[in-house]
Amino acid sequence: MDDIANDISSSIGKRIRSERALRGWSLAELAERSDVSKAMLSTIERGKTSPTATLLVRIAAAFGMTLSTLIARAELQGGGLLRESEQPVWRDPATGYVRRHLSPVSDMPLELIKVRLPAGARVSFPAASYAFIKQQIWLIGGRLDFTEGDVVHCLRPGDCLALGAPSDCTFHAPGPEAADYVVALVRG
C-alpha cells in the first residue's frame, strides 16, 4: 500500500501543478485561493508529501472541482471498465482514511467512491467542498456518525443518506470497527 500511496501522491502533485498551469496561476495565487501555504503546495506538487484529505479538498475547491475529480484526473486514463487492481486508492496520512475511486473515467456526472474510515477516526470537510456536487452515502459495514451542519445522522449497515444543501460536514466512525461506505456523487 505504501508504494501505491507514494505513486498516487506523486500523480496528485503533478495533476495539481498541471491544473494550476492550465489556469495560468502562480503558486501564490493557488495558495490564496485554496488557503494552503505556498510551501505546502510546493511540497505537494513535487510529490514530497502525501497531502491530507482536508488540504486536497481545499485545493480541489480552488480549481472548482471535487476531491474525486482531482484524484480521478491524476490517476485514471479512461475506458468503460476499471478493474479493481487499477482503481486508485488513496490514504489520508492524518487519519488513515482510505478512499478507492470505483468509477471509470467517462462523461457521466456520476462517480462512485468506496471509503474505509478507521474506528475512532474523524474527517471534516467545509461546505465549499460540496458546492459542485450532490451525494448519497450508503453504509456497508460498521457505524458512521455523519454530521451535516448541526444535524447528526447515525448510520447503521444498509442505511443510505442523501445529503441536503452544502454545509460543513464531518464523517466519524465511532467504532468499535471501521466504517465502510460507498459515496455516490453527481456533479452538476
N, C-alpha and C. Protein backbone atom coordinates (compact mmCIF):
# COMPACT_ATOMS: atom_id res chain seq x y z
N MET A 1 0.82 -1.20 0.00
CA MET A 1 0.00 0.00 0.00
C MET A 1 0.86 1.26 0.00
N ASP A 2 2.04 1.24 0.68
CA ASP A 2 2.87 2.43 0.75
C ASP A 2 3.40 2.84 -0.63
N ASP A 3 3.80 1.86 -1.48
CA ASP A 3 4.27 2.18 -2.82
C ASP A 3 3.14 2.78 -3.64
N ILE A 4 1.93 2.21 -3.51
CA ILE A 4 0.77 2.75 -4.22
C ILE A 4 0.48 4.16 -3.74
N ALA A 5 0.50 4.37 -2.42
CA ALA A 5 0.23 5.69 -1.86
C ALA A 5 1.25 6.71 -2.36
N ASN A 6 2.54 6.32 -2.43
CA ASN A 6 3.57 7.23 -2.93
C ASN A 6 3.35 7.56 -4.39
N ASP A 7 2.98 6.56 -5.21
CA ASP A 7 2.71 6.80 -6.62
C ASP A 7 1.54 7.75 -6.79
N ILE A 8 0.49 7.56 -6.00
CA ILE A 8 -0.69 8.42 -6.11
C ILE A 8 -0.35 9.83 -5.65
N SER A 9 0.43 9.96 -4.56
CA SER A 9 0.83 11.30 -4.10
C SER A 9 1.61 12.03 -5.19
N SER A 10 2.49 11.31 -5.87
CA SER A 10 3.25 11.91 -6.96
C SER A 10 2.33 12.31 -8.11
N SER A 11 1.37 11.44 -8.46
CA SER A 11 0.41 11.74 -9.53
C SER A 11 -0.46 12.93 -9.15
N ILE A 12 -0.89 12.99 -7.90
CA ILE A 12 -1.72 14.10 -7.45
C ILE A 12 -0.92 15.40 -7.52
N GLY A 13 0.31 15.37 -7.09
CA GLY A 13 1.16 16.55 -7.16
C GLY A 13 1.32 17.06 -8.59
N LYS A 14 1.57 16.13 -9.51
CA LYS A 14 1.70 16.51 -10.93
C LYS A 14 0.39 17.08 -11.46
N ARG A 15 -0.73 16.49 -11.05
CA ARG A 15 -2.04 16.97 -11.53
C ARG A 15 -2.32 18.37 -11.01
N ILE A 16 -1.98 18.63 -9.75
CA ILE A 16 -2.19 19.96 -9.17
C ILE A 16 -1.35 20.99 -9.93
N ARG A 17 -0.10 20.64 -10.19
CA ARG A 17 0.78 21.55 -10.94
C ARG A 17 0.20 21.78 -12.35
N SER A 18 -0.31 20.73 -12.98
CA SER A 18 -0.90 20.84 -14.31
C SER A 18 -2.16 21.70 -14.30
N GLU A 19 -3.05 21.48 -13.32
CA GLU A 19 -4.27 22.28 -13.21
C GLU A 19 -3.93 23.75 -12.99
N ARG A 20 -2.93 24.00 -12.18
CA ARG A 20 -2.51 25.38 -11.90
C ARG A 20 -1.97 26.02 -13.18
N ALA A 21 -1.15 25.27 -13.91
CA ALA A 21 -0.56 25.80 -15.16
C ALA A 21 -1.64 26.06 -16.20
N LEU A 22 -2.63 25.17 -16.30
CA LEU A 22 -3.73 25.35 -17.25
C LEU A 22 -4.46 26.67 -17.01
N ARG A 23 -4.52 27.08 -15.77
CA ARG A 23 -5.23 28.31 -15.41
C ARG A 23 -4.32 29.54 -15.43
N GLY A 24 -3.02 29.29 -15.60
CA GLY A 24 -2.06 30.40 -15.59
C GLY A 24 -1.85 30.99 -14.21
N TRP A 25 -2.08 30.18 -13.18
CA TRP A 25 -1.95 30.65 -11.80
C TRP A 25 -0.53 30.44 -11.29
N SER A 26 -0.07 31.37 -10.53
CA SER A 26 1.19 31.20 -9.80
C SER A 26 0.91 30.36 -8.56
N LEU A 27 1.96 29.89 -7.93
CA LEU A 27 1.83 29.17 -6.67
C LEU A 27 1.16 30.06 -5.63
N ALA A 28 1.52 31.34 -5.64
CA ALA A 28 0.94 32.30 -4.69
C ALA A 28 -0.57 32.44 -4.91
N GLU A 29 -1.00 32.45 -6.18
CA GLU A 29 -2.43 32.59 -6.46
C GLU A 29 -3.20 31.37 -5.99
N LEU A 30 -2.66 30.17 -6.25
CA LEU A 30 -3.33 28.96 -5.76
C LEU A 30 -3.35 28.94 -4.24
N ALA A 31 -2.27 29.38 -3.61
CA ALA A 31 -2.22 29.44 -2.15
C ALA A 31 -3.32 30.35 -1.60
N GLU A 32 -3.50 31.49 -2.24
CA GLU A 32 -4.53 32.42 -1.79
C GLU A 32 -5.94 31.85 -1.99
N ARG A 33 -6.16 31.24 -3.14
CA ARG A 33 -7.49 30.70 -3.46
C ARG A 33 -7.85 29.47 -2.62
N SER A 34 -6.84 28.69 -2.23
CA SER A 34 -7.09 27.43 -1.51
C SER A 34 -6.88 27.55 0.00
N ASP A 35 -6.25 28.62 0.44
CA ASP A 35 -5.89 28.77 1.85
C ASP A 35 -4.93 27.66 2.30
N VAL A 36 -4.03 27.28 1.37
CA VAL A 36 -2.95 26.33 1.66
C VAL A 36 -1.66 27.07 1.38
N SER A 37 -0.70 26.97 2.27
CA SER A 37 0.53 27.74 2.13
C SER A 37 1.30 27.39 0.85
N LYS A 38 2.06 28.37 0.34
CA LYS A 38 2.88 28.13 -0.85
C LYS A 38 3.88 27.01 -0.60
N ALA A 39 4.46 26.99 0.59
CA ALA A 39 5.45 25.96 0.91
C ALA A 39 4.81 24.57 0.85
N MET A 40 3.60 24.43 1.42
CA MET A 40 2.93 23.12 1.39
C MET A 40 2.56 22.74 -0.03
N LEU A 41 2.04 23.70 -0.81
CA LEU A 41 1.68 23.42 -2.20
C LEU A 41 2.90 22.97 -3.00
N SER A 42 4.01 23.63 -2.80
CA SER A 42 5.24 23.26 -3.50
C SER A 42 5.66 21.84 -3.14
N THR A 43 5.58 21.50 -1.86
CA THR A 43 5.94 20.16 -1.40
C THR A 43 5.01 19.11 -2.00
N ILE A 44 3.71 19.43 -2.07
CA ILE A 44 2.73 18.51 -2.66
C ILE A 44 3.00 18.35 -4.15
N GLU A 45 3.20 19.45 -4.85
CA GLU A 45 3.42 19.39 -6.29
C GLU A 45 4.66 18.58 -6.64
N ARG A 46 5.68 18.62 -5.80
CA ARG A 46 6.90 17.85 -6.04
C ARG A 46 6.79 16.40 -5.57
N GLY A 47 5.62 16.03 -5.01
CA GLY A 47 5.42 14.65 -4.56
C GLY A 47 6.22 14.30 -3.32
N LYS A 48 6.61 15.31 -2.54
CA LYS A 48 7.44 15.08 -1.35
C LYS A 48 6.62 14.78 -0.11
N THR A 49 5.30 14.98 -0.18
CA THR A 49 4.44 14.68 0.96
C THR A 49 3.10 14.17 0.45
N SER A 50 2.45 13.38 1.27
CA SER A 50 1.11 12.91 0.96
C SER A 50 0.13 13.85 1.64
N PRO A 51 -0.59 14.65 0.86
CA PRO A 51 -1.49 15.64 1.46
C PRO A 51 -2.68 14.98 2.15
N THR A 52 -3.20 15.66 3.16
CA THR A 52 -4.38 15.17 3.86
C THR A 52 -5.63 15.43 3.02
N ALA A 53 -6.71 14.77 3.39
CA ALA A 53 -7.98 14.97 2.70
C ALA A 53 -8.41 16.44 2.80
N THR A 54 -8.22 17.03 3.96
CA THR A 54 -8.62 18.42 4.17
C THR A 54 -7.89 19.36 3.21
N LEU A 55 -6.59 19.16 3.03
CA LEU A 55 -5.83 20.01 2.11
C LEU A 55 -6.27 19.78 0.67
N LEU A 56 -6.46 18.51 0.29
CA LEU A 56 -6.86 18.22 -1.09
C LEU A 56 -8.23 18.80 -1.41
N VAL A 57 -9.14 18.78 -0.45
CA VAL A 57 -10.47 19.36 -0.67
C VAL A 57 -10.34 20.85 -0.93
N ARG A 58 -9.51 21.54 -0.17
CA ARG A 58 -9.32 22.98 -0.37
C ARG A 58 -8.73 23.28 -1.75
N ILE A 59 -7.76 22.47 -2.15
CA ILE A 59 -7.11 22.67 -3.45
C ILE A 59 -8.11 22.39 -4.57
N ALA A 60 -8.84 21.28 -4.47
CA ALA A 60 -9.83 20.93 -5.49
C ALA A 60 -10.89 22.03 -5.61
N ALA A 61 -11.37 22.53 -4.48
CA ALA A 61 -12.39 23.58 -4.48
C ALA A 61 -11.85 24.85 -5.16
N ALA A 62 -10.59 25.16 -4.95
CA ALA A 62 -9.99 26.33 -5.60
C ALA A 62 -10.04 26.18 -7.11
N PHE A 63 -9.91 24.94 -7.61
CA PHE A 63 -9.99 24.67 -9.04
C PHE A 63 -11.43 24.53 -9.52
N GLY A 64 -12.40 24.57 -8.59
CA GLY A 64 -13.80 24.41 -8.96
C GLY A 64 -14.16 22.97 -9.25
N MET A 65 -13.50 22.04 -8.56
CA MET A 65 -13.78 20.62 -8.77
C MET A 65 -13.87 19.90 -7.43
N THR A 66 -14.35 18.67 -7.48
CA THR A 66 -14.44 17.85 -6.28
C THR A 66 -13.12 17.14 -6.03
N LEU A 67 -12.96 16.63 -4.82
CA LEU A 67 -11.81 15.80 -4.49
C LEU A 67 -11.77 14.61 -5.43
N SER A 68 -12.92 14.00 -5.69
CA SER A 68 -13.00 12.84 -6.59
C SER A 68 -12.48 13.18 -7.97
N THR A 69 -12.88 14.32 -8.50
CA THR A 69 -12.45 14.72 -9.84
C THR A 69 -10.95 14.95 -9.87
N LEU A 70 -10.41 15.61 -8.86
CA LEU A 70 -8.97 15.85 -8.81
C LEU A 70 -8.20 14.54 -8.80
N ILE A 71 -8.61 13.60 -7.95
CA ILE A 71 -7.91 12.33 -7.87
C ILE A 71 -8.10 11.53 -9.15
N ALA A 72 -9.31 11.55 -9.70
CA ALA A 72 -9.57 10.82 -10.95
C ALA A 72 -8.70 11.36 -12.08
N ARG A 73 -8.59 12.68 -12.18
CA ARG A 73 -7.75 13.26 -13.24
C ARG A 73 -6.28 12.91 -13.04
N ALA A 74 -5.88 12.71 -11.81
CA ALA A 74 -4.48 12.35 -11.53
C ALA A 74 -4.19 10.90 -11.89
N GLU A 75 -5.19 10.03 -11.76
CA GLU A 75 -4.91 8.60 -11.85
C GLU A 75 -5.54 7.85 -13.00
N LEU A 76 -6.65 8.31 -13.53
CA LEU A 76 -7.39 7.48 -14.46
C LEU A 76 -7.13 7.87 -15.91
N GLN A 77 -7.13 6.88 -16.78
CA GLN A 77 -6.84 7.11 -18.20
C GLN A 77 -8.08 7.07 -19.07
N GLY A 78 -9.16 6.51 -18.62
CA GLY A 78 -10.38 6.44 -19.42
C GLY A 78 -10.68 5.01 -19.83
N GLY A 79 -11.84 4.81 -20.43
CA GLY A 79 -12.30 3.48 -20.82
C GLY A 79 -13.49 3.10 -19.98
N GLY A 80 -14.31 2.18 -20.51
CA GLY A 80 -15.55 1.83 -19.83
C GLY A 80 -15.41 0.88 -18.67
N LEU A 81 -14.29 0.20 -18.57
CA LEU A 81 -14.08 -0.78 -17.49
C LEU A 81 -12.88 -0.36 -16.67
N LEU A 82 -13.06 -0.32 -15.36
CA LEU A 82 -11.96 -0.02 -14.46
C LEU A 82 -11.81 -1.21 -13.51
N ARG A 83 -10.81 -2.03 -13.76
CA ARG A 83 -10.57 -3.21 -12.94
C ARG A 83 -10.18 -2.81 -11.53
N GLU A 84 -10.55 -3.67 -10.57
CA GLU A 84 -10.24 -3.37 -9.17
C GLU A 84 -8.75 -3.08 -8.98
N SER A 85 -7.90 -3.83 -9.65
CA SER A 85 -6.45 -3.64 -9.50
C SER A 85 -5.98 -2.30 -10.04
N GLU A 86 -6.80 -1.64 -10.87
CA GLU A 86 -6.43 -0.36 -11.46
C GLU A 86 -7.12 0.83 -10.79
N GLN A 87 -8.01 0.56 -9.84
CA GLN A 87 -8.72 1.64 -9.17
C GLN A 87 -7.78 2.38 -8.23
N PRO A 88 -7.70 3.70 -8.36
CA PRO A 88 -6.81 4.46 -7.49
C PRO A 88 -7.24 4.36 -6.02
N VAL A 89 -6.27 4.08 -5.18
CA VAL A 89 -6.50 4.02 -3.74
C VAL A 89 -5.63 5.09 -3.11
N TRP A 90 -6.24 5.91 -2.27
CA TRP A 90 -5.51 6.99 -1.60
C TRP A 90 -5.76 6.90 -0.10
N ARG A 91 -4.69 7.11 0.68
CA ARG A 91 -4.79 7.04 2.14
C ARG A 91 -4.44 8.40 2.72
N ASP A 92 -5.32 8.91 3.58
CA ASP A 92 -5.09 10.17 4.29
C ASP A 92 -4.06 9.89 5.38
N PRO A 93 -2.89 10.51 5.30
CA PRO A 93 -1.86 10.23 6.31
C PRO A 93 -2.24 10.68 7.72
N ALA A 94 -3.17 11.61 7.83
CA ALA A 94 -3.55 12.13 9.15
C ALA A 94 -4.53 11.21 9.88
N THR A 95 -5.42 10.54 9.15
CA THR A 95 -6.49 9.78 9.81
C THR A 95 -6.49 8.29 9.47
N GLY A 96 -5.79 7.89 8.41
CA GLY A 96 -5.84 6.51 7.95
C GLY A 96 -7.05 6.24 7.07
N TYR A 97 -7.82 7.26 6.76
CA TYR A 97 -8.98 7.19 5.85
C TYR A 97 -8.48 6.66 4.51
N VAL A 98 -9.12 5.60 4.01
CA VAL A 98 -8.72 5.01 2.73
C VAL A 98 -9.86 5.18 1.74
N ARG A 99 -9.55 5.72 0.59
CA ARG A 99 -10.53 6.07 -0.43
C ARG A 99 -10.18 5.37 -1.73
N ARG A 100 -11.11 4.59 -2.27
CA ARG A 100 -10.93 3.88 -3.54
C ARG A 100 -11.90 4.48 -4.55
N HIS A 101 -11.36 4.94 -5.67
CA HIS A 101 -12.19 5.51 -6.74
C HIS A 101 -12.66 4.34 -7.61
N LEU A 102 -13.96 4.03 -7.58
CA LEU A 102 -14.51 2.88 -8.27
C LEU A 102 -14.86 3.13 -9.73
N SER A 103 -15.22 4.35 -10.07
CA SER A 103 -15.77 4.67 -11.40
C SER A 103 -14.72 4.85 -12.47
N PRO A 104 -14.98 4.29 -13.66
CA PRO A 104 -14.11 4.60 -14.79
C PRO A 104 -14.33 6.04 -15.22
N VAL A 105 -13.34 6.63 -15.88
CA VAL A 105 -13.48 7.98 -16.41
C VAL A 105 -14.52 7.94 -17.53
N SER A 106 -15.46 8.86 -17.48
CA SER A 106 -16.49 8.93 -18.51
C SER A 106 -17.10 10.32 -18.50
N ASP A 107 -18.01 10.55 -19.43
CA ASP A 107 -18.71 11.83 -19.49
C ASP A 107 -19.90 11.87 -18.54
N MET A 108 -20.19 10.74 -17.90
CA MET A 108 -21.31 10.70 -16.96
C MET A 108 -21.00 11.57 -15.74
N PRO A 109 -22.00 12.20 -15.17
CA PRO A 109 -21.76 13.03 -13.99
C PRO A 109 -21.68 12.22 -12.69
N LEU A 110 -21.84 10.89 -12.76
CA LEU A 110 -21.85 10.03 -11.58
C LEU A 110 -20.45 9.50 -11.27
N GLU A 111 -20.09 9.53 -10.00
CA GLU A 111 -18.84 8.92 -9.53
C GLU A 111 -19.17 8.08 -8.31
N LEU A 112 -18.53 6.92 -8.20
CA LEU A 112 -18.67 6.05 -7.03
C LEU A 112 -17.33 5.95 -6.33
N ILE A 113 -17.36 6.12 -5.01
CA ILE A 113 -16.15 6.07 -4.20
C ILE A 113 -16.43 5.16 -3.01
N LYS A 114 -15.50 4.24 -2.74
CA LYS A 114 -15.61 3.38 -1.55
C LYS A 114 -14.62 3.90 -0.53
N VAL A 115 -15.09 4.01 0.72
CA VAL A 115 -14.25 4.57 1.78
C VAL A 115 -14.20 3.62 2.96
N ARG A 116 -13.03 3.55 3.59
CA ARG A 116 -12.86 2.86 4.87
C ARG A 116 -12.32 3.90 5.84
N LEU A 117 -13.13 4.19 6.87
CA LEU A 117 -12.75 5.16 7.90
C LEU A 117 -12.45 4.36 9.16
N PRO A 118 -11.19 4.37 9.63
CA PRO A 118 -10.84 3.57 10.81
C PRO A 118 -11.68 3.94 12.04
N ALA A 119 -11.89 2.96 12.90
CA ALA A 119 -12.64 3.18 14.15
C ALA A 119 -12.01 4.34 14.91
N GLY A 120 -12.85 5.26 15.33
CA GLY A 120 -12.40 6.43 16.10
C GLY A 120 -11.97 7.60 15.24
N ALA A 121 -11.76 7.38 13.95
CA ALA A 121 -11.29 8.45 13.07
C ALA A 121 -12.43 9.41 12.71
N ARG A 122 -12.03 10.63 12.40
CA ARG A 122 -12.97 11.70 12.06
C ARG A 122 -12.35 12.52 10.93
N VAL A 123 -13.16 12.78 9.89
CA VAL A 123 -12.71 13.60 8.76
C VAL A 123 -13.77 14.67 8.53
N SER A 124 -13.33 15.94 8.46
CA SER A 124 -14.26 17.05 8.26
C SER A 124 -13.97 17.76 6.94
N PHE A 125 -15.05 18.22 6.29
CA PHE A 125 -14.93 18.94 5.03
C PHE A 125 -15.80 20.19 5.12
N PRO A 126 -15.31 21.31 4.57
CA PRO A 126 -16.11 22.54 4.58
C PRO A 126 -17.23 22.47 3.55
N ALA A 127 -18.24 23.29 3.74
CA ALA A 127 -19.39 23.34 2.82
C ALA A 127 -18.94 23.57 1.38
N ALA A 128 -17.88 24.35 1.19
CA ALA A 128 -17.40 24.65 -0.17
C ALA A 128 -17.05 23.39 -0.96
N SER A 129 -16.68 22.33 -0.29
CA SER A 129 -16.31 21.10 -1.00
C SER A 129 -17.53 20.39 -1.58
N TYR A 130 -18.73 20.79 -1.16
CA TYR A 130 -19.97 20.18 -1.65
C TYR A 130 -20.71 21.09 -2.62
N ALA A 131 -20.12 22.22 -2.96
CA ALA A 131 -20.81 23.22 -3.78
C ALA A 131 -21.09 22.73 -5.20
N PHE A 132 -20.31 21.80 -5.71
CA PHE A 132 -20.44 21.37 -7.11
C PHE A 132 -21.08 20.00 -7.24
N ILE A 133 -21.53 19.40 -6.14
CA ILE A 133 -21.99 18.01 -6.19
C ILE A 133 -23.24 17.80 -5.35
N LYS A 134 -23.91 16.69 -5.65
CA LYS A 134 -24.95 16.13 -4.79
C LYS A 134 -24.45 14.74 -4.47
N GLN A 135 -24.74 14.25 -3.26
CA GLN A 135 -24.22 12.92 -2.94
C GLN A 135 -25.12 12.16 -1.99
N GLN A 136 -24.91 10.84 -2.04
CA GLN A 136 -25.56 9.92 -1.12
C GLN A 136 -24.49 9.04 -0.52
N ILE A 137 -24.72 8.63 0.72
CA ILE A 137 -23.78 7.77 1.43
C ILE A 137 -24.52 6.48 1.79
N TRP A 138 -23.94 5.34 1.39
CA TRP A 138 -24.51 4.03 1.71
C TRP A 138 -23.53 3.30 2.60
N LEU A 139 -23.93 3.04 3.85
CA LEU A 139 -23.05 2.36 4.80
C LEU A 139 -23.10 0.86 4.57
N ILE A 140 -21.94 0.27 4.33
CA ILE A 140 -21.81 -1.17 4.09
C ILE A 140 -21.56 -1.91 5.39
N GLY A 141 -20.67 -1.39 6.22
CA GLY A 141 -20.32 -2.06 7.47
C GLY A 141 -19.85 -1.07 8.52
N GLY A 142 -19.92 -1.49 9.78
CA GLY A 142 -19.53 -0.62 10.89
C GLY A 142 -20.63 0.37 11.21
N ARG A 143 -20.22 1.46 11.84
CA ARG A 143 -21.16 2.55 12.16
C ARG A 143 -20.55 3.84 11.66
N LEU A 144 -21.41 4.78 11.26
CA LEU A 144 -20.94 6.07 10.80
C LEU A 144 -21.84 7.14 11.36
N ASP A 145 -21.24 8.09 12.06
CA ASP A 145 -21.96 9.28 12.52
C ASP A 145 -21.58 10.39 11.55
N PHE A 146 -22.55 10.84 10.78
CA PHE A 146 -22.31 11.87 9.79
C PHE A 146 -22.98 13.15 10.24
N THR A 147 -22.16 14.19 10.47
CA THR A 147 -22.68 15.48 10.91
C THR A 147 -22.77 16.38 9.70
N GLU A 148 -23.98 16.88 9.45
CA GLU A 148 -24.28 17.75 8.32
C GLU A 148 -24.79 19.06 8.92
N GLY A 149 -23.91 20.06 8.98
CA GLY A 149 -24.28 21.30 9.67
C GLY A 149 -24.45 21.01 11.15
N ASP A 150 -25.66 21.21 11.68
CA ASP A 150 -25.94 20.95 13.10
C ASP A 150 -26.64 19.61 13.33
N VAL A 151 -26.88 18.84 12.26
CA VAL A 151 -27.63 17.59 12.36
C VAL A 151 -26.68 16.40 12.31
N VAL A 152 -26.83 15.47 13.25
CA VAL A 152 -26.02 14.25 13.26
C VAL A 152 -26.91 13.08 12.82
N HIS A 153 -26.44 12.38 11.79
CA HIS A 153 -27.12 11.19 11.29
C HIS A 153 -26.31 9.98 11.74
N CYS A 154 -26.91 9.08 12.52
CA CYS A 154 -26.23 7.87 12.99
C CYS A 154 -26.61 6.73 12.05
N LEU A 155 -25.68 6.34 11.19
CA LEU A 155 -25.95 5.33 10.18
C LEU A 155 -25.51 3.94 10.64
N ARG A 156 -26.32 2.96 10.27
CA ARG A 156 -26.03 1.54 10.53
C ARG A 156 -25.92 0.84 9.18
N PRO A 157 -25.31 -0.33 9.12
CA PRO A 157 -25.16 -1.03 7.84
C PRO A 157 -26.48 -1.12 7.07
N GLY A 158 -26.41 -0.79 5.78
CA GLY A 158 -27.58 -0.81 4.91
C GLY A 158 -28.27 0.53 4.80
N ASP A 159 -28.01 1.46 5.73
CA ASP A 159 -28.63 2.78 5.67
C ASP A 159 -28.03 3.59 4.52
N CYS A 160 -28.86 4.41 3.89
CA CYS A 160 -28.42 5.28 2.81
C CYS A 160 -28.93 6.69 3.10
N LEU A 161 -28.04 7.66 3.05
CA LEU A 161 -28.36 9.05 3.37
C LEU A 161 -28.13 9.94 2.16
N ALA A 162 -29.14 10.71 1.77
CA ALA A 162 -28.99 11.72 0.72
C ALA A 162 -28.69 13.04 1.42
N LEU A 163 -27.59 13.68 1.04
CA LEU A 163 -27.21 14.94 1.66
C LEU A 163 -28.06 16.08 1.13
N GLY A 164 -28.26 17.07 1.99
CA GLY A 164 -29.02 18.25 1.64
C GLY A 164 -28.13 19.32 1.04
N ALA A 165 -28.51 20.57 1.29
CA ALA A 165 -27.75 21.72 0.79
C ALA A 165 -26.34 21.69 1.37
N PRO A 166 -25.35 22.25 0.63
CA PRO A 166 -23.98 22.24 1.13
C PRO A 166 -23.86 22.84 2.53
N SER A 167 -23.19 22.12 3.41
CA SER A 167 -22.90 22.61 4.75
C SER A 167 -21.63 21.92 5.22
N ASP A 168 -21.01 22.44 6.26
CA ASP A 168 -19.84 21.79 6.83
C ASP A 168 -20.24 20.40 7.28
N CYS A 169 -19.40 19.40 6.97
CA CYS A 169 -19.73 18.01 7.26
C CYS A 169 -18.57 17.30 7.95
N THR A 170 -18.92 16.33 8.80
CA THR A 170 -17.92 15.51 9.46
C THR A 170 -18.35 14.05 9.39
N PHE A 171 -17.42 13.20 8.95
CA PHE A 171 -17.59 11.76 8.95
C PHE A 171 -16.87 11.25 10.20
N HIS A 172 -17.54 10.44 11.02
CA HIS A 172 -16.92 9.89 12.23
C HIS A 172 -17.31 8.42 12.36
N ALA A 173 -16.31 7.57 12.50
CA ALA A 173 -16.54 6.14 12.74
C ALA A 173 -16.39 5.90 14.24
N PRO A 174 -17.52 5.82 14.99
CA PRO A 174 -17.43 5.70 16.44
C PRO A 174 -16.91 4.35 16.92
N GLY A 175 -16.85 3.37 16.03
CA GLY A 175 -16.32 2.06 16.40
C GLY A 175 -17.41 1.14 16.90
N PRO A 176 -17.07 -0.03 17.34
CA PRO A 176 -15.70 -0.47 17.58
C PRO A 176 -14.93 -0.87 16.33
N GLU A 177 -15.60 -1.01 15.18
CA GLU A 177 -14.87 -1.36 13.95
C GLU A 177 -14.89 -0.18 12.98
N ALA A 178 -14.13 -0.32 11.91
CA ALA A 178 -14.07 0.71 10.89
C ALA A 178 -15.43 0.85 10.21
N ALA A 179 -15.68 2.02 9.66
CA ALA A 179 -16.89 2.26 8.86
C ALA A 179 -16.50 2.09 7.39
N ASP A 180 -17.21 1.21 6.70
CA ASP A 180 -17.03 1.01 5.25
C ASP A 180 -18.28 1.53 4.57
N TYR A 181 -18.10 2.43 3.61
CA TYR A 181 -19.26 3.01 2.94
C TYR A 181 -18.93 3.39 1.51
N VAL A 182 -20.00 3.54 0.73
CA VAL A 182 -19.89 3.99 -0.66
C VAL A 182 -20.51 5.37 -0.76
N VAL A 183 -19.83 6.27 -1.44
CA VAL A 183 -20.36 7.60 -1.69
C VAL A 183 -20.66 7.68 -3.19
N ALA A 184 -21.89 8.03 -3.52
CA ALA A 184 -22.29 8.27 -4.90
C ALA A 184 -22.38 9.77 -5.09
N LEU A 185 -21.57 10.30 -6.00
CA LEU A 185 -21.52 11.74 -6.28
C LEU A 185 -22.10 12.02 -7.65
N VAL A 186 -22.87 13.05 -7.74
CA VAL A 186 -23.35 13.54 -9.02
C VAL A 186 -22.88 14.97 -9.16
N ARG A 187 -22.08 15.22 -10.18
CA ARG A 187 -21.58 16.57 -10.46
C ARG A 187 -22.68 17.35 -11.17
N GLY A 188 -22.71 18.63 -10.86
CA GLY A 188 -23.71 19.40 -11.59
C GLY A 188 -23.95 20.76 -11.09
